[in-house]
C-alpha atoms as a PDB file:
ATOM      1  CA  MET A   1      -0.013  -0.336  -0.060  1.00  0.00           C
ATOM      2  CA  LYS A   2       1.250   3.442  -0.944  1.00  0.00           C
ATOM      3  CA  ILE A   3       0.415   6.449   1.023  1.00  0.00           C
ATOM      4  CA  ALA A   4       1.046  10.044  -0.056  1.00  0.00           C
ATOM      5  CA  THR A   5       0.799  13.641   1.787  1.00  0.00           C
ATOM      6  CA  TRP A   6       0.806  16.781  -0.146  1.00  0.00           C
ATOM      7  CA  ASN A   7       0.059  20.396   0.795  1.00  0.00           C
ATOM      8  CA  VAL A   8      -0.981  21.330  -2.669  1.00  0.00           C
ATOM      9  CA  ASN A   9      -1.549  25.036  -2.185  1.00  0.00           C
ATOM     10  CA  SER A  10      -4.846  25.360  -3.327  1.00  0.00           C
ATOM     11  CA  ILE A  11      -6.564  22.467  -5.307  1.00  0.00           C
ATOM     12  CA  ARG A  12      -8.266  24.235  -8.030  1.00  0.00           C
ATOM     13  CA  THR A  13      -4.932  26.020  -9.133  1.00  0.00           C
ATOM     14  CA  ARG A  14      -2.841  22.409  -8.861  1.00  0.00           C
ATOM     15  CA  LEU A  15      -5.725  20.033 -10.233  1.00  0.00           C
ATOM     16  CA  GLU A  16      -4.069  19.374 -13.531  1.00  0.00           C
ATOM     17  CA  GLN A  17      -0.776  19.096 -11.635  1.00  0.00           C
ATOM     18  CA  VAL A  18      -2.483  16.705  -9.018  1.00  0.00           C
ATOM     19  CA  CYS A  19      -4.317  14.564 -11.775  1.00  0.00           C
ATOM     20  CA  GLN A  20      -1.243  14.111 -13.707  1.00  0.00           C
ATOM     21  CA  TRP A  21       0.893  13.058 -10.660  1.00  0.00           C
ATOM     22  CA  LEU A  22      -1.692  10.520  -9.607  1.00  0.00           C
ATOM     23  CA  GLN A  23      -1.653   8.965 -13.223  1.00  0.00           C
ATOM     24  CA  ALA A  24       2.108   8.825 -12.851  1.00  0.00           C
ATOM     25  CA  ASN A  25       2.003   7.489  -9.458  1.00  0.00           C
ATOM     26  CA  PRO A  26      -1.297   5.864  -8.495  1.00  0.00           C
ATOM     27  CA  VAL A  27      -1.099   5.533  -4.829  1.00  0.00           C
ATOM     28  CA  ASP A  28      -3.682   3.875  -2.787  1.00  0.00           C
ATOM     29  CA  VAL A  29      -4.463   7.168  -0.675  1.00  0.00           C
ATOM     30  CA  LEU A  30      -3.518  10.527  -1.203  1.00  0.00           C
ATOM     31  CA  CYS A  31      -4.012  13.443   1.756  1.00  0.00           C
ATOM     32  CA  LEU A  32      -4.067  16.669   0.779  1.00  0.00           C
ATOM     33  CA  GLN A  33      -3.715  19.939   2.692  1.00  0.00           C
ATOM     34  CA  GLU A  34      -4.053  23.794   1.968  1.00  0.00           C
ATOM     35  CA  THR A  35      -7.088  22.777  -0.339  1.00  0.00           C
ATOM     36  CA  LYS A  36      -8.149  26.655  -0.073  1.00  0.00           C
ATOM     37  CA  VAL A  37     -11.957  25.766  -1.059  1.00  0.00           C
ATOM     38  CA  VAL A  38     -15.497  25.335   0.399  1.00  0.00           C
ATOM     39  CA  ASP A  39     -16.605  21.849   0.112  1.00  0.00           C
ATOM     40  CA  GLU A  40     -19.328  22.351  -2.227  1.00  0.00           C
ATOM     41  CA  LEU A  41     -16.549  23.701  -5.081  1.00  0.00           C
ATOM     42  CA  PHE A  42     -14.050  21.355  -4.508  1.00  0.00           C
ATOM     43  CA  PRO A  43     -13.312  19.722  -7.977  1.00  0.00           C
ATOM     44  CA  GLN A  44     -14.231  16.016  -7.203  1.00  0.00           C
ATOM     45  CA  ALA A  45     -15.090  14.893 -10.427  1.00  0.00           C
ATOM     46  CA  PRO A  46     -11.720  14.702 -12.311  1.00  0.00           C
ATOM     47  CA  LEU A  47     -10.630  12.854  -9.359  1.00  0.00           C
ATOM     48  CA  THR A  48     -13.409  10.529  -8.910  1.00  0.00           C
ATOM     49  CA  ASN A  49     -12.956   9.597 -12.558  1.00  0.00           C
ATOM     50  CA  LEU A  50      -9.199   8.490 -11.816  1.00  0.00           C
ATOM     51  CA  GLY A  51     -10.868   6.089  -9.358  1.00  0.00           C
ATOM     52  CA  TYR A  52     -10.740   7.761  -6.145  1.00  0.00           C
ATOM     53  CA  HIS A  53     -13.027   8.250  -3.346  1.00  0.00           C
ATOM     54  CA  VAL A  54     -12.905  12.026  -2.142  1.00  0.00           C
ATOM     55  CA  TYR A  55     -13.458  13.186   1.379  1.00  0.00           C
ATOM     56  CA  ILE A  56     -13.304  16.886   2.056  1.00  0.00           C
ATOM     57  CA  SER A  57     -13.333  19.643   4.897  1.00  0.00           C
ATOM     58  CA  GLY A  58     -12.306  23.034   3.450  1.00  0.00           C
ATOM     59  CA  GLN A  59     -13.190  26.527   3.851  1.00  0.00           C
ATOM     60  CA  LYS A  60     -12.749  29.529   1.552  1.00  0.00           C
ATOM     61  CA  ALA A  61      -9.149  30.599   0.410  1.00  0.00           C
ATOM     62  CA  TYR A  62      -7.573  29.469   3.422  1.00  0.00           C
ATOM     63  CA  ASN A  63      -6.479  25.693   5.213  1.00  0.00           C
ATOM     64  CA  GLY A  64      -8.659  23.039   4.112  1.00  0.00           C
ATOM     65  CA  VAL A  65      -7.888  19.083   3.858  1.00  0.00           C
ATOM     66  CA  ALA A  66      -8.916  16.149   1.967  1.00  0.00           C
ATOM     67  CA  ILE A  67      -8.458  12.576   1.821  1.00  0.00           C
ATOM     68  CA  LEU A  68      -8.540  10.357  -1.762  1.00  0.00           C
ATOM     69  CA  SER A  69      -8.386   6.483  -1.480  1.00  0.00           C
ATOM     70  CA  ARG A  70      -8.983   3.963  -3.784  1.00  0.00           C
ATOM     71  CA  GLU A  71     -11.230   2.196  -1.289  1.00  0.00           C
ATOM     72  CA  PRO A  72     -14.098   3.845   0.531  1.00  0.00           C
ATOM     73  CA  VAL A  73     -12.753   5.232   3.997  1.00  0.00           C
ATOM     74  CA  THR A  74     -15.229   4.619   7.149  1.00  0.00           C
ATOM     75  CA  GLU A  75     -15.701   6.575  10.209  1.00  0.00           C
ATOM     76  CA  ILE A  76     -14.788   9.913   8.384  1.00  0.00           C
ATOM     77  CA  SER A  77     -14.793  12.830  10.839  1.00  0.00           C
ATOM     78  CA  THR A  78     -13.177  16.311  10.601  1.00  0.00           C
ATOM     79  CA  GLY A  79     -11.868  18.414  13.340  1.00  0.00           C
ATOM     80  CA  PHE A  80     -11.438  17.469  17.206  1.00  0.00           C
ATOM     81  CA  SER A  81     -14.984  18.021  18.447  1.00  0.00           C
ATOM     82  CA  PRO A  82     -16.153  14.633  17.197  1.00  0.00           C
ATOM     83  CA  VAL A  83     -13.674  13.072  19.801  1.00  0.00           C
ATOM     84  CA  LEU A  84     -13.128  16.146  22.158  1.00  0.00           C
ATOM     85  CA  GLY A  85     -16.483  17.928  22.146  1.00  0.00           C
ATOM     86  CA  ASP A  86     -16.423  21.757  22.533  1.00  0.00           C
ATOM     87  CA  VAL A  87     -12.757  22.906  21.320  1.00  0.00           C
ATOM     88  CA  GLY A  88     -13.813  26.587  20.821  1.00  0.00           C
ATOM     89  CA  ASP A  89     -12.071  28.504  18.169  1.00  0.00           C
ATOM     90  CA  LEU A  90      -9.684  25.535  17.118  1.00  0.00           C
ATOM     91  CA  GLU A  91     -12.450  24.232  15.232  1.00  0.00           C
ATOM     92  CA  THR A  92     -13.100  27.047  12.608  1.00  0.00           C
ATOM     93  CA  GLN A  93      -9.973  26.374  10.761  1.00  0.00           C
ATOM     94  CA  LYS A  94     -10.262  23.153   8.891  1.00  0.00           C
ATOM     95  CA  ARG A  95      -7.277  21.383   9.641  1.00  0.00           C
ATOM     96  CA  LEU A  96      -7.819  17.824  10.109  1.00  0.00           C
ATOM     97  CA  ILE A  97      -9.712  14.956   8.730  1.00  0.00           C
ATOM     98  CA  THR A  98      -9.600  11.105   9.763  1.00  0.00           C
ATOM     99  CA  GLY A  99     -11.104   7.781   8.619  1.00  0.00           C
ATOM    100  CA  ILE A 100     -10.344   4.034   8.742  1.00  0.00           C
ATOM    101  CA  ILE A 101      -8.986   2.290   5.613  1.00  0.00           C
ATOM    102  CA  GLY A 102      -9.354  -1.389   5.361  1.00  0.00           C
ATOM    103  CA  PRO A 103      -9.935  -3.586   8.480  1.00  0.00           C
ATOM    104  CA  ASN A 104      -7.886  -1.826  11.211  1.00  0.00           C
ATOM    105  CA  MET A 105      -5.903   1.415  10.075  1.00  0.00           C
ATOM    106  CA  ARG A 106      -6.908   4.860  11.041  1.00  0.00           C
ATOM    107  CA  VAL A 107      -5.382   7.737   8.718  1.00  0.00           C
ATOM    108  CA  ILE A 108      -5.357  11.168  10.231  1.00  0.00           C
ATOM    109  CA  ASN A 109      -4.560  13.803   7.373  1.00  0.00           C
ATOM    110  CA  VAL A 110      -3.384  17.154   9.450  1.00  0.00           C
ATOM    111  CA  TYR A 111      -2.319  20.861   8.282  1.00  0.00           C
ATOM    112  CA  ILE A 112      -0.849  22.155  11.577  1.00  0.00           C
ATOM    113  CA  PRO A 113      -0.800  26.208  11.672  1.00  0.00           C
ATOM    114  CA  ASN A 114       2.195  27.724  10.465  1.00  0.00           C
ATOM    115  CA  GLY A 115       2.708  30.154  13.706  1.00  0.00           C
ATOM    116  CA  SER A 116       3.834  33.251  11.798  1.00  0.00           C
ATOM    117  CA  ALA A 117       6.523  34.265  14.438  1.00  0.00           C
ATOM    118  CA  MET A 118       7.675  33.362  17.563  1.00  0.00           C
ATOM    119  CA  GLY A 119       5.574  35.098  20.202  1.00  0.00           C
ATOM    120  CA  THR A 120       2.572  36.105  18.504  1.00  0.00           C
ATOM    121  CA  ASP A 121      -0.884  35.246  18.780  1.00  0.00           C
ATOM    122  CA  LYS A 122      -0.696  32.753  15.831  1.00  0.00           C
ATOM    123  CA  TYR A 123       2.599  30.988  17.494  1.00  0.00           C
ATOM    124  CA  HIS A 124       0.378  30.637  20.543  1.00  0.00           C
ATOM    125  CA  TYR A 125      -2.599  29.511  18.467  1.00  0.00           C
ATOM    126  CA  LYS A 126      -0.043  26.575  16.856  1.00  0.00           C
ATOM    127  CA  LEU A 127       1.148  25.397  20.313  1.00  0.00           C
ATOM    128  CA  GLN A 128      -2.484  25.052  21.435  1.00  0.00           C
ATOM    129  CA  TRP A 129      -3.494  23.315  18.255  1.00  0.00           C
ATOM    130  CA  LEU A 130      -0.215  20.928  18.914  1.00  0.00           C
ATOM    131  CA  GLU A 131      -1.475  20.081  22.670  1.00  0.00           C
ATOM    132  CA  THR A 132      -5.191  19.353  21.510  1.00  0.00           C
ATOM    133  CA  LEU A 133      -4.010  17.248  18.816  1.00  0.00           C
ATOM    134  CA  HIS A 134      -1.940  15.249  21.789  1.00  0.00           C
ATOM    135  CA  THR A 135      -5.093  15.120  23.636  1.00  0.00           C
ATOM    136  CA  TYR A 136      -6.992  14.065  20.813  1.00  0.00           C
ATOM    137  CA  LEU A 137      -4.836  11.235  19.537  1.00  0.00           C
ATOM    138  CA  ALA A 138      -4.267  10.194  23.415  1.00  0.00           C
ATOM    139  CA  ARG A 139      -8.299   9.532  23.173  1.00  0.00           C
ATOM    140  CA  LEU A 140      -8.576   8.005  20.324  1.00  0.00           C
ATOM    141  CA  GLN A 141      -5.913   5.350  21.334  1.00  0.00           C
ATOM    142  CA  ARG A 142      -7.928   4.819  24.431  1.00  0.00           C
ATOM    143  CA  GLU A 143     -11.077   4.581  22.865  1.00  0.00           C
ATOM    144  CA  SER A 144     -10.720   3.479  19.382  1.00  0.00           C
ATOM    145  CA  PRO A 145      -7.454   1.546  19.195  1.00  0.00           C
ATOM    146  CA  THR A 146      -6.258   0.808  15.869  1.00  0.00           C
ATOM    147  CA  GLU A 147      -2.870   1.115  13.990  1.00  0.00           C
ATOM    148  CA  MET A 148      -2.512   4.693  13.103  1.00  0.00           C
ATOM    149  CA  ILE A 149      -0.739   6.698  10.430  1.00  0.00           C
ATOM    150  CA  ILE A 150      -0.626  10.892  10.964  1.00  0.00           C
ATOM    151  CA  CYS A 151       0.275  12.614   7.900  1.00  0.00           C
ATOM    152  CA  GLY A 152       0.423  16.008   6.542  1.00  0.00           C
ATOM    153  CA  ASP A 153       2.106  19.295   6.463  1.00  0.00           C
ATOM    154  CA  PHE A 154       3.116  19.834  10.484  1.00  0.00           C
ATOM    155  CA  ASN A 155       4.971  23.105   9.882  1.00  0.00           C
ATOM    156  CA  ILE A 156       7.700  21.670  12.025  1.00  0.00           C
ATOM    157  CA  ALA A 157      11.223  20.387  11.155  1.00  0.00           C
ATOM    158  CA  PRO A 158      11.979  18.064  13.988  1.00  0.00           C
ATOM    159  CA  GLU A 159      15.872  17.949  13.917  1.00  0.00           C
ATOM    160  CA  ASP A 160      18.445  20.667  12.650  1.00  0.00           C
ATOM    161  CA  ILE A 161      19.055  18.017   9.863  1.00  0.00           C
ATOM    162  CA  ASP A 162      15.888  18.419   8.322  1.00  0.00           C
ATOM    163  CA  ILE A 163      16.706  22.412   7.574  1.00  0.00           C
ATOM    164  CA  HIS A 164      19.206  23.335   5.008  1.00  0.00           C
ATOM    165  CA  ASP A 165      20.865  25.892   7.177  1.00  0.00           C
ATOM    166  CA  PRO A 166      19.599  25.472  11.036  1.00  0.00           C
ATOM    167  CA  GLN A 167      21.716  28.464  12.168  1.00  0.00           C
ATOM    168  CA  GLY A 168      19.284  30.697  14.223  1.00  0.00           C
ATOM    169  CA  ARG A 169      16.466  28.238  14.428  1.00  0.00           C
ATOM    170  CA  GLU A 170      16.183  28.793  17.724  1.00  0.00           C
ATOM    171  CA  THR A 171      13.871  31.787  16.898  1.00  0.00           C
ATOM    172  CA  HIS A 172      12.708  30.747  13.391  1.00  0.00           C
ATOM    173  CA  ILE A 173       9.301  29.524  13.238  1.00  0.00           C
ATOM    174  CA  MET A 174       9.083  25.763  12.487  1.00  0.00           C
ATOM    175  CA  ALA A 175      12.289  25.027  14.406  1.00  0.00           C
ATOM    176  CA  THR A 176      11.634  26.764  17.807  1.00  0.00           C
ATOM    177  CA  ASP A 177      12.222  24.494  21.020  1.00  0.00           C
ATOM    178  CA  PRO A 178       8.464  24.510  21.844  1.00  0.00           C
ATOM    179  CA  GLU A 179       7.482  23.368  18.473  1.00  0.00           C
ATOM    180  CA  ARG A 180       9.787  20.769  18.735  1.00  0.00           C
ATOM    181  CA  GLU A 181       8.964  19.590  21.985  1.00  0.00           C
ATOM    182  CA  ALA A 182       5.044  19.650  21.344  1.00  0.00           C
ATOM    183  CA  LEU A 183       5.863  17.332  17.901  1.00  0.00           C
ATOM    184  CA  ALA A 184       8.100  15.245  20.268  1.00  0.00           C
ATOM    185  CA  LYS A 185       5.346  14.698  22.940  1.00  0.00           C
ATOM    186  CA  ILE A 186       2.788  13.342  20.123  1.00  0.00           C
ATOM    187  CA  ALA A 187       5.605  11.202  18.885  1.00  0.00           C
ATOM    188  CA  ALA A 188       5.947  10.060  22.567  1.00  0.00           C
ATOM    189  CA  LEU A 189       2.346   8.334  22.606  1.00  0.00           C
ATOM    190  CA  GLY A 190       3.864   5.792  20.176  1.00  0.00           C
ATOM    191  CA  PHE A 191       4.541   7.303  16.659  1.00  0.00           C
ATOM    192  CA  GLN A 192       7.481   7.077  14.606  1.00  0.00           C
ATOM    193  CA  ASP A 193       8.957   9.246  11.802  1.00  0.00           C
ATOM    194  CA  GLY A 194       8.583   7.029   8.720  1.00  0.00           C
ATOM    195  CA  PHE A 195      10.918   9.002   6.479  1.00  0.00           C
ATOM    196  CA  ARG A 196      13.909   8.712   8.986  1.00  0.00           C
ATOM    197  CA  LYS A 197      13.644   4.877   9.016  1.00  0.00           C
ATOM    198  CA  PHE A 198      15.036   4.807   5.699  1.00  0.00           C
ATOM    199  CA  THR A 199      17.039   8.451   4.942  1.00  0.00           C
ATOM    200  CA  PRO A 200      18.921   9.275   7.955  1.00  0.00           C
ATOM    201  CA  GLU A 201      21.099  11.783   6.666  1.00  0.00           C
ATOM    202  CA  THR A 202      20.375  15.698   5.970  1.00  0.00           C
ATOM    203  CA  GLY A 203      19.757  16.979   2.466  1.00  0.00           C
ATOM    204  CA  HIS A 204      16.231  16.025   1.815  1.00  0.00           C
ATOM    205  CA  TYR A 205      13.410  18.659   1.866  1.00  0.00           C
ATOM    206  CA  SER A 206       9.556  18.963   1.343  1.00  0.00           C
ATOM    207  CA  TRP A 207       8.922  22.574   1.474  1.00  0.00           C
ATOM    208  CA  TRP A 208      11.251  25.135  -0.384  1.00  0.00           C
ATOM    209  CA  ASP A 209      10.228  29.031  -0.214  1.00  0.00           C
ATOM    210  CA  TYR A 210       9.002  30.561  -3.615  1.00  0.00           C
ATOM    211  CA  ARG A 211      11.863  33.445  -2.956  1.00  0.00           C
ATOM    212  CA  THR A 212      15.105  33.778  -3.649  1.00  0.00           C
ATOM    213  CA  GLY A 213      15.500  30.483  -5.798  1.00  0.00           C
ATOM    214  CA  ALA A 214      15.229  28.320  -2.556  1.00  0.00           C
ATOM    215  CA  PHE A 215      14.419  24.943  -4.966  1.00  0.00           C
ATOM    216  CA  ARG A 216      17.222  25.685  -7.235  1.00  0.00           C
ATOM    217  CA  GLY A 217      19.523  25.696  -4.622  1.00  0.00           C
ATOM    218  CA  ASN A 218      17.975  23.163  -2.385  1.00  0.00           C
ATOM    219  CA  ARG A 219      17.316  25.632   0.425  1.00  0.00           C
ATOM    220  CA  GLY A 220      14.707  23.820   1.908  1.00  0.00           C
ATOM    221  CA  TRP A 221      13.035  22.512   5.087  1.00  0.00           C
ATOM    222  CA  ARG A 222      11.253  18.634   6.035  1.00  0.00           C
ATOM    223  CA  ILE A 223       8.257  19.760   7.036  1.00  0.00           C
ATOM    224  CA  ASP A 224       5.879  16.885   5.643  1.00  0.00           C
ATOM    225  CA  HIS A 225       5.734  13.974   7.621  1.00  0.00           C
ATOM    226  CA  HIS A 226       4.106  10.409   7.973  1.00  0.00           C
ATOM    227  CA  TYR A 227       4.048   9.425  11.543  1.00  0.00           C
ATOM    228  CA  LEU A 228       3.259   5.661  12.249  1.00  0.00           C
ATOM    229  CA  THR A 229       2.204   3.499  15.210  1.00  0.00           C
ATOM    230  CA  ALA A 230       4.489   0.694  15.902  1.00  0.00           C
ATOM    231  CA  GLY A 231       2.816  -2.005  13.952  1.00  0.00           C
ATOM    232  CA  LEU A 232       2.637   0.279  10.504  1.00  0.00           C
ATOM    233  CA  TYR A 233       6.189   1.434  11.280  1.00  0.00           C
ATOM    234  CA  ALA A 234       7.569  -2.174  11.356  1.00  0.00           C
ATOM    235  CA  GLN A 235       5.720  -2.967   8.023  1.00  0.00           C
ATOM    236  CA  ALA A 236       6.890   0.140   6.522  1.00  0.00           C
ATOM    237  CA  GLN A 237       9.133  -0.577   3.336  1.00  0.00           C
ATOM    238  CA  ASN A 238      10.049   2.881   1.768  1.00  0.00           C
ATOM    239  CA  CYS A 239       9.386   6.363   2.293  1.00  0.00           C
ATOM    240  CA  VAL A 240      10.620   9.142  -0.279  1.00  0.00           C
ATOM    241  CA  ILE A 241      10.143  12.464  -1.224  1.00  0.00           C
ATOM    242  CA  ASP A 242       8.909  13.619  -4.707  1.00  0.00           C
ATOM    243  CA  SER A 243      10.508  16.648  -5.651  1.00  0.00           C
ATOM    244  CA  ALA A 244       9.535  16.474  -9.620  1.00  0.00           C
ATOM    245  CA  PRO A 245       6.273  18.545  -9.243  1.00  0.00           C
ATOM    246  CA  ARG A 246       8.089  21.108  -7.631  1.00  0.00           C
ATOM    247  CA  LYS A 247       9.936  21.828 -10.906  1.00  0.00           C
ATOM    248  CA  LEU A 248       6.817  22.420 -12.719  1.00  0.00           C
ATOM    249  CA  GLU A 249       5.430  25.747 -13.905  1.00  0.00           C
ATOM    250  CA  LYS A 250       3.369  27.603 -10.964  1.00  0.00           C
ATOM    251  CA  PRO A 251       3.728  24.485  -8.899  1.00  0.00           C
ATOM    252  CA  SER A 252       3.127  24.113  -4.946  1.00  0.00           C
ATOM    253  CA  ASP A 253       6.052  24.984  -2.669  1.00  0.00           C
ATOM    254  CA  HIS A 254       5.550  21.484  -1.016  1.00  0.00           C
ATOM    255  CA  ALA A 255       6.170  18.487  -2.635  1.00  0.00           C
ATOM    256  CA  PRO A 256       4.620  15.217  -2.327  1.00  0.00           C
ATOM    257  CA  VAL A 257       6.042  12.521   0.182  1.00  0.00           C
ATOM    258  CA  ILE A 258       4.941   8.626  -0.326  1.00  0.00           C
ATOM    259  CA  LEU A 259       5.092   6.074   1.967  1.00  0.00           C
ATOM    260  CA  GLU A 260       4.923   2.478   1.179  1.00  0.00           C
ATOM    261  CA  ILE A 261       3.668  -0.232   3.734  1.00  0.00           C
ATOM    262  CA  GLY A 262       3.935  -4.085   3.360  1.00  0.00           C
ATOM    263  CA  LEU A 263      -0.037  -4.322   3.100  1.00  0.00           C
ATOM    264  CA  ALA A 264      -1.899  -5.417   0.423  1.00  0.00           C
ATOM    265  CA  SER A 265      -3.155  -2.487  -2.059  1.00  0.00           C
ATOM    266  CA  VAL A 266      -6.706  -1.322  -0.780  1.00  0.00           C
ATOM    267  CA  SER A 267      -7.647  -1.209  -4.777  1.00  0.00           C
ATOM    268  CA  SER A 268      -7.320  -4.921  -4.570  1.00  0.00           C
ATOM    269  CA  ALA A 269      -8.799  -5.464  -1.069  1.00  0.00           C
END
């Protein structure tokens, strides 16, 4: 089974690129972030025509997540509230969608807030969101135990090797100690980084700033991840970043990250 995550930075803008990529890389599951469109305007038909079931949670111009799956996904829910109840303004931004694939695998697709700058209201919102995600995952583990994969745009580089130049990272958004500690706390629930199982060295990134020719110089950050519970981690066979779409005209600033697990393809289940 192949599961990919990709922040497409507007599904309507990048629809043709996504469809072409899926035709060349017919993954079983594709988790999208930053779809930037309300549900009723999400362009489902081209994706269903490629054989995917489409599950969405979007809003106008910002945020938005979606799961594309060759097999129907069950127990779809969006946001924290189905598990935690009222979480206030953490539910107004569409950043989480989850469901069960196959007999016993939960996919959780997240778009974690960027945080803007250290010390700002948006930064504190990000830390609050991460703490709530920890509570949400812990509750899921207690009440609905399954193997889990959390994938998406985490907007956090877990280690210095995940940044082309970590100098000054202590005050740079996406690499501050509180952000890393929040992610480590989530991982301590029993999740492991799928990419680092296979690629321990630096130089591999999933996001490059549009400015200053960052992609051409490979001045990037690895902020798009797959985190797996122990059973799935043991069965993971490969995890790669496909930088090819970043070379296209008007690309997303993120690249897809593809995880391969030694399970039967859901398309043949």
